[in-house]
Protein backbone atom coordinates (compact mmCIF):
# COMPACT_ATOMS: atom_id res chain seq x y z
CA UNK A 1 29.40 16.70 17.15
CA UNK A 2 28.73 13.55 16.84
CA UNK A 3 25.02 12.21 16.83
CA UNK A 4 23.90 15.40 17.63
CA UNK A 5 25.78 16.01 20.56
CA UNK A 6 27.55 18.90 20.84
CA UNK A 7 31.27 18.91 21.48
CA UNK A 8 33.14 20.96 23.31
CA UNK A 9 36.04 20.90 20.61
CA UNK A 10 33.88 22.21 18.37
CA UNK A 11 33.63 25.46 19.70
CA UNK A 12 31.55 27.13 22.12
CA UNK A 13 28.92 27.52 19.77
CA UNK A 14 28.41 24.06 19.72
CA UNK A 15 27.32 24.12 23.18
CA UNK A 16 24.42 26.05 22.29
CA UNK A 17 20.82 25.01 21.98
CA UNK A 18 19.83 24.13 18.15
CA UNK A 19 17.28 26.80 16.99
CA UNK A 20 13.76 25.25 16.29
CA UNK A 21 14.08 26.89 12.97
CA UNK A 22 17.79 24.90 11.98
CA UNK A 23 16.25 22.13 13.44
CA UNK A 24 13.10 22.00 11.50
CA UNK A 25 15.17 23.21 7.99
CA UNK A 26 16.91 19.99 8.66
CA UNK A 27 14.54 17.70 9.13
CA UNK A 28 12.75 18.75 5.75
CA UNK A 29 16.42 18.47 4.01
CA UNK A 30 16.62 14.93 5.52
CA UNK A 31 12.68 14.37 3.94
CA UNK A 32 12.75 11.87 0.84
CA UNK A 33 12.03 13.00 -2.32
CA UNK A 34 9.14 10.88 -3.00
CA UNK A 35 7.28 12.31 0.36
CA UNK A 36 6.99 15.69 -0.61
CA UNK A 37 7.27 15.23 -4.61
CA UNK A 38 4.27 13.21 -4.98
CA UNK A 39 1.87 15.04 -3.36
CA UNK A 40 3.07 17.99 -5.88
CA UNK A 41 2.49 15.22 -8.93
CA UNK A 42 -0.93 14.58 -7.16
CA UNK A 43 -2.42 17.74 -6.99
CA UNK A 44 -1.37 18.78 -10.28
CA UNK A 45 -2.55 15.63 -12.16
CA UNK A 46 -6.06 16.42 -9.84
CA UNK A 47 -6.52 20.36 -11.12
CA UNK A 48 -5.81 18.72 -14.77
CA UNK A 49 -8.39 16.66 -14.51
CA UNK A 50 -10.92 19.05 -11.94
CA UNK A 51 -10.19 21.27 -15.26
CA UNK A 52 -11.00 19.17 -18.08
CA UNK A 53 -13.95 17.53 -16.02
CA UNK A 54 -15.22 21.23 -15.39
CA UNK A 55 -15.29 22.44 -19.54
CA UNK A 56 -15.68 19.37 -21.40
CA UNK A 57 -19.56 18.76 -22.61
CA UNK A 58 -20.64 15.60 -21.69
CA UNK A 59 -23.36 13.53 -23.61
CA UNK A 60 -26.80 12.34 -21.49
CA UNK A 61 -24.64 8.76 -21.43
CA UNK A 62 -21.69 10.26 -19.97
CA UNK A 63 -23.14 12.27 -17.77
CA UNK A 64 -25.83 9.11 -16.54
CA UNK A 65 -22.29 7.75 -14.94
CA UNK A 66 -19.92 11.56 -14.65
CA UNK A 67 -22.82 13.38 -12.71
CA UNK A 68 -20.70 14.12 -9.03
CA UNK A 69 -22.94 12.36 -6.90
CA UNK A 70 -23.13 8.83 -9.60
CA UNK A 71 -19.44 9.51 -9.57
CA UNK A 72 -18.86 9.90 -5.56
CA UNK A 73 -21.09 6.50 -5.22
CA UNK A 74 -18.75 4.98 -7.37
CA UNK A 75 -15.11 6.07 -6.03
CA UNK A 76 -17.05 5.25 -2.69
CA UNK A 77 -17.27 1.86 -3.81
CA UNK A 78 -14.00 1.44 -5.36
CA UNK A 79 -12.63 2.68 -1.79
CA UNK A 80 -14.66 -0.03 0.25
CA UNK A 81 -13.53 -2.88 -1.99
CA UNK A 82 -10.04 -2.13 -1.90
CA UNK A 83 -10.06 -1.46 1.80
CA UNK A 84 -11.82 -4.46 2.70
CA UNK A 85 -9.41 -6.54 0.37
CA UNK A 86 -6.80 -4.98 2.02
CA UNK A 87 -7.68 -5.59 5.91
CA UNK A 88 -8.20 -9.35 5.17
CA UNK A 89 -4.74 -9.60 3.47
CA UNK A 90 -3.17 -7.46 6.43
CA UNK A 91 -4.72 -9.95 9.04
CA UNK A 92 -3.89 -13.12 7.15
CA UNK A 93 -0.43 -12.11 5.37
CA UNK A 94 1.51 -10.66 8.05
CA UNK A 95 0.62 -13.26 10.81
CA UNK A 96 1.40 -15.99 8.73
CA UNK A 97 4.86 -14.75 7.64
CA UNK A 98 5.82 -14.17 11.31
CA UNK A 99 4.91 -17.50 11.79
CA UNK A 100 6.69 -19.09 9.16
CA UNK A 101 9.89 -17.33 10.02
CA UNK A 102 9.93 -19.27 13.63
CA UNK A 103 12.26 -21.85 13.86
CA UNK A 104 9.97 -25.04 13.87
CA UNK A 105 8.04 -24.05 10.80
CA UNK A 106 10.78 -22.21 8.35
CA UNK A 107 10.65 -25.30 6.18
CA UNK A 108 6.44 -24.62 5.35
CA UNK A 109 8.24 -21.59 3.61
CA UNK A 110 8.96 -22.36 0.39
CA UNK A 111 4.95 -24.27 0.35
CA UNK A 112 3.54 -21.13 1.75
CA UNK A 113 5.09 -18.77 -1.16
CA UNK A 114 4.06 -21.13 -3.90
CA UNK A 115 0.81 -21.05 -3.36
CA UNK A 116 0.46 -17.32 -2.48
CA UNK A 117 2.57 -17.24 -5.86
CA UNK A 118 -0.61 -18.87 -7.58
CA UNK A 119 -2.78 -15.39 -7.34
CA UNK A 120 0.42 -13.45 -9.01
CA UNK A 121 0.84 -16.23 -11.29
CA UNK A 122 -2.50 -16.49 -12.56
CA UNK A 123 -4.45 -13.66 -14.44
CA UNK A 124 -6.30 -11.82 -12.49
CA UNK A 125 -9.43 -11.71 -14.80
CA UNK A 126 -9.46 -15.29 -15.07
CA UNK A 127 -9.04 -15.86 -11.45
CA UNK A 128 -12.20 -13.07 -10.60
CA UNK A 129 -14.32 -15.50 -13.17
CA UNK A 130 -12.92 -18.33 -11.84
CA UNK A 131 -14.07 -17.31 -8.13
CA UNK A 132 -17.61 -16.86 -9.68
CA UNK A 133 -18.07 -20.47 -10.08
CA UNK A 134 -17.56 -21.24 -6.40
CA UNK A 135 -18.93 -18.22 -4.37
CA UNK A 136 -21.32 -15.98 -7.35
CA UNK A 137 -20.93 -12.65 -8.54
CA UNK A 138 -20.66 -9.70 -6.39
CA UNK A 139 -18.92 -7.55 -3.73
CA UNK A 140 -17.85 -10.39 -1.84
CA UNK A 141 -16.48 -12.66 -5.14
CA UNK A 142 -14.40 -9.49 -5.83
CA UNK A 143 -12.79 -9.53 -2.53
CA UNK A 144 -11.46 -13.01 -2.69
CA UNK A 145 -10.28 -12.61 -5.30
CA UNK A 146 -8.33 -9.34 -4.59
CA UNK A 147 -6.93 -10.75 -1.45
CA UNK A 148 -5.59 -14.10 -3.40
CA UNK A 149 -3.91 -12.28 -5.93
CA UNK A 150 -2.23 -9.40 -3.05
CA UNK A 151 -1.22 -12.03 -0.56
CA UNK A 152 2.17 -12.64 -1.65
CA UNK A 153 4.20 -9.08 -1.87
CA UNK A 154 2.87 -8.54 2.05
CA UNK A 155 3.65 -12.20 3.11
CA UNK A 156 6.78 -12.10 0.87
CA UNK A 157 7.96 -8.62 2.56
CA UNK A 158 7.25 -10.17 6.26
CA UNK A 159 9.22 -13.42 5.63
CA UNK A 160 12.67 -11.18 4.41
CA UNK A 161 11.94 -8.13 6.75
CA UNK A 162 12.33 -10.46 9.51
CA UNK A 163 15.06 -13.18 8.16
CA UNK A 164 17.22 -9.93 7.83
CA UNK A 165 17.50 -8.88 11.22
CA UNK A 166 20.95 -9.69 12.51
CA UNK A 167 20.87 -12.46 14.55
CA UNK A 168 22.96 -11.11 17.20
CA UNK A 169 20.46 -8.79 18.01
CA UNK A 170 17.83 -10.84 18.83
CA UNK A 171 20.40 -12.99 20.55
CA UNK A 172 21.09 -10.26 23.10
CA UNK A 173 17.53 -9.53 23.40
CA UNK A 174 16.77 -13.10 24.19
CA UNK A 175 20.24 -12.66 26.58
CA UNK A 176 18.94 -9.98 29.03
CA UNK A 177 15.87 -11.77 29.61
CA UNK A 178 13.19 -11.07 26.51
CA UNK A 179 10.90 -13.86 26.15
CA UNK A 180 10.70 -15.10 22.27
CA UNK A 181 7.48 -12.92 22.07
CA UNK A 182 9.03 -9.64 23.70
CA UNK A 183 11.72 -10.38 21.60
CA UNK A 184 9.56 -10.48 18.16
CA UNK A 185 7.31 -7.67 18.92
CA UNK A 186 9.84 -5.23 20.36
CA UNK A 187 12.70 -5.84 18.69
CA UNK A 188 12.59 -8.08 15.44
CA UNK A 189 9.28 -6.58 14.16
CA UNK A 190 10.54 -2.84 14.72
CA UNK A 191 13.63 -3.63 12.65
CA UNK A 192 11.29 -5.34 10.22
CA UNK A 193 8.99 -2.73 9.68
CA UNK A 194 10.34 -0.72 6.67
CA UNK A 195 10.48 -3.75 4.42
CA UNK A 196 7.07 -5.19 5.65
CA UNK A 197 5.43 -1.74 5.13
CA UNK A 198 6.67 -1.03 1.70
CA UNK A 199 5.25 -4.87 1.04
CA UNK A 200 1.92 -3.01 1.93
CA UNK A 201 2.34 -0.51 -0.21
CA UNK A 202 2.45 -2.37 -3.06
CA UNK A 203 -0.20 -5.17 -2.26
CA UNK A 204 -2.30 -1.72 -1.71
CA UNK A 205 -1.63 -0.35 -5.46
CA UNK A 206 -1.99 -3.89 -6.58
CA UNK A 207 -5.71 -3.70 -4.96
CA UNK A 208 -6.26 -0.52 -6.14
CA UNK A 209 -5.50 -1.16 -10.24
CA UNK A 210 -7.11 -4.97 -9.72
CA UNK A 211 -9.76 -3.68 -8.40
CA UNK A 212 -11.32 -2.50 -11.68
CA UNK A 213 -11.55 -5.56 -13.03
CA UNK A 214 -14.67 -6.54 -10.52
CA UNK A 215 -16.67 -5.09 -12.97
CA UNK A 216 -16.77 -8.30 -14.93
CA UNK A 217 -18.28 -9.99 -12.21
CA UNK A 218 -20.82 -7.81 -10.71
CA UNK A 219 -19.21 -6.10 -8.60
CA UNK A 220 -19.01 -1.50 -8.54
CA UNK A 221 -16.03 -0.14 -9.02
CA UNK A 222 -14.31 2.78 -11.17
CA UNK A 223 -13.50 -0.14 -13.92
CA UNK A 224 -17.22 0.25 -14.82
CA UNK A 225 -16.33 3.73 -16.32
CA UNK A 226 -13.16 2.18 -18.06
CA UNK A 227 -15.21 -0.61 -19.56
CA UNK A 228 -18.19 1.61 -20.61
CA UNK A 229 -16.09 3.90 -22.28
CA UNK A 230 -14.54 0.70 -24.02
CA UNK A 231 -17.40 -1.07 -25.32
CA UNK A 232 -19.69 2.09 -26.07
CA UNK A 233 -16.67 4.08 -27.57
CA UNK A 234 -17.14 7.02 -25.19
CA UNK A 235 -13.32 8.37 -24.63
CA UNK A 236 -14.85 10.36 -21.92
CA UNK A 237 -15.61 7.99 -19.60
CA UNK A 238 -12.37 5.68 -20.30
CA UNK A 239 -10.14 8.98 -19.45
CA UNK A 240 -12.34 9.73 -15.87
CA UNK A 241 -12.20 5.87 -14.95
CA UNK A 242 -8.55 6.14 -15.77
CA UNK A 243 -7.44 9.15 -14.12
CA UNK A 244 -9.35 8.38 -11.01
CA UNK A 245 -8.11 5.02 -10.19
CA UNK A 246 -4.38 6.43 -10.82
CA UNK A 247 -5.04 9.02 -8.80
CA UNK A 248 -6.53 6.50 -5.85
CA UNK A 249 -3.38 4.67 -6.48
CA UNK A 250 -1.04 7.46 -5.71
CA UNK A 251 -3.10 8.83 -3.15
CA UNK A 252 -2.61 5.87 -1.20
CA UNK A 253 0.93 5.05 -2.17
CA UNK A 254 1.99 8.52 -0.51
CA UNK A 255 0.02 7.81 2.55
CA UNK A 256 1.51 4.33 3.01
CA UNK A 257 4.95 6.30 2.31
CA UNK A 258 4.06 8.37 5.50
CA UNK A 259 2.80 5.71 7.46
CA UNK A 260 6.03 4.02 6.57
CA UNK A 261 8.51 6.74 7.30
CA UNK A 262 6.26 7.21 10.90
CA UNK A 263 6.90 3.84 11.98
CA UNK A 264 10.78 2.93 10.90
CA UNK A 265 12.57 3.35 14.19
CA UNK A 266 15.06 6.22 13.98
CA UNK A 267 18.13 5.31 12.24
CA UNK A 268 16.75 2.78 9.91
CA UNK A 269 14.68 5.61 7.84
C-alpha cells in the first residue's frame, strides 16, 4: 500500500476498505504528543489550583481580590488586553512579512527586522514605562507596548516561512498561469503556514506573560495580584496570580497548536 492506496500485490485483504475504527486509531496514533499531553497538564494544574483555592482560608484583604466575581473580572481584563494586542500584531506583522519577501522590497528586510528587534531588546517594563510619557497610562498604552514587544516573532517567522518555500514550486505555479497574487495565497502562504503559526504561538505566550507588567502603568491584569502579593507580603495573591497566568499561557499555546495542526496542509504535518 502506497499513500493509502491499496496494492493488489499486498493480497486481497488490502483491497477491502479500511474500517472506521482502524482509521480513527491511526489518526490518534499520528497525533503529536503535545496535542494530547498539554491539555492533561492543564487539567491537572487547574484541578490542583481549584482544590487549593477551595481549601485555603483567605484574609479579608485577600478575599477582596480573590473573590470569584473580582477574580473573573481581572482574568477577563487580562484576556482582553492580550487579545487586542495579538490582533493588532497579526494585522501588522503578517502583511509586512509578506511585503518584505517580495523581490523589490527584500533589501528592506534587515532594516524592518532590526526595528522590530528593538522591542525584544528593550526590557518590557522599561518599554511600557517609556510609552507612558507619550501616551499616558492605562489600557491603550499597555496595548501599544505589548504590540511593539511581540511583533518580532510573527514578522520573522512570516519572512522565514515564505523564503523556505521551494522556488521550483513557485515557478511551476507561475508556469501554469497563476498570477503573483494567486501564487502567494494558494501556494506560498499554505506552505508557510506551519512556520508562521509557530511564530504566532510564540507571540501569544509572550503577550500573556508580558501583559502582567501592564499593572505598573495602570492597566488591569493578573499582574495586579502578583505585584500586590509581593508588596504586601501576601503569598496567596502571588500564587493565585502566577498560576492563573501560567494556565492562561498554556491554554492559549494549546489552542494555537490545534489551529496550527488544522491549518497545516496534508503531507507537511
